[in-house]
Protein backbone atom coordinates (compact mmCIF):
# COMPACT_ATOMS: atom_id res chain seq x y z
CA MET A 1 0.00 0.00 0.00
CA ILE A 2 2.78 2.43 0.94
CA ALA A 3 4.68 1.53 -2.24
CA THR A 4 1.53 2.21 -4.28
CA ILE A 5 1.16 5.65 -2.69
CA GLY A 6 4.79 6.46 -3.49
CA ALA A 7 4.38 5.27 -7.08
CA CYS A 8 1.27 7.40 -7.60
CA GLN A 9 2.96 10.46 -6.11
CA ILE A 10 5.98 10.00 -8.38
CA ILE A 11 3.77 9.49 -11.45
CA PHE A 12 1.72 12.60 -10.76
CA TYR A 13 4.75 14.74 -9.91
CA HIS A 14 6.29 13.78 -13.27
CA GLU A 15 3.04 14.66 -15.04
CA SER A 16 2.88 17.88 -12.96
CA SER A 17 -0.82 17.28 -12.35
CA PRO A 18 -2.18 19.47 -9.52
CA VAL A 19 -5.01 17.08 -8.62
CA PRO A 20 -4.22 13.33 -8.49
CA GLU A 21 -7.84 12.24 -8.85
CA PRO A 22 -7.33 8.63 -10.06
CA CYS A 23 -4.98 7.80 -7.19
CA THR A 24 -7.29 9.44 -4.66
CA ILE A 25 -10.21 7.35 -5.93
CA VAL A 26 -8.09 4.19 -5.84
CA PHE A 27 -6.94 4.87 -2.27
CA LEU A 28 -10.51 5.59 -1.13
CA GLY A 29 -11.54 2.28 -2.71
CA PHE A 30 -8.73 0.43 -0.93
CA GLY A 31 -9.68 2.11 2.35
CA LEU A 32 -13.35 1.18 2.04
CA ALA A 33 -12.46 -2.38 1.03
CA GLY A 34 -10.14 -2.69 4.03
CA ILE A 35 -12.79 -1.37 6.42
CA THR A 36 -15.42 -3.80 5.08
CA VAL A 37 -13.01 -6.75 5.28
CA LEU A 38 -12.11 -5.88 8.89
CA ALA A 39 -15.79 -5.48 9.78
CA ARG A 40 -16.65 -8.88 8.27
CA ARG A 41 -13.78 -10.56 10.11
CA ARG A 42 -14.92 -9.05 13.40
CA LYS A 43 -18.51 -10.23 12.84
CA ARG A 44 -17.36 -13.77 12.00
CA GLY A 45 -14.94 -13.87 14.92
């Protein structure tokens, strides 16, 4: 996850894009997926 963040930052710095929207969306997706997985594991446990 940390490596992915670094890669996205490097990519967007090279493109000189002020708003890294795709990476932000991807990270929000990963965050939501992680929260749901943790919630399901807690319910099962």
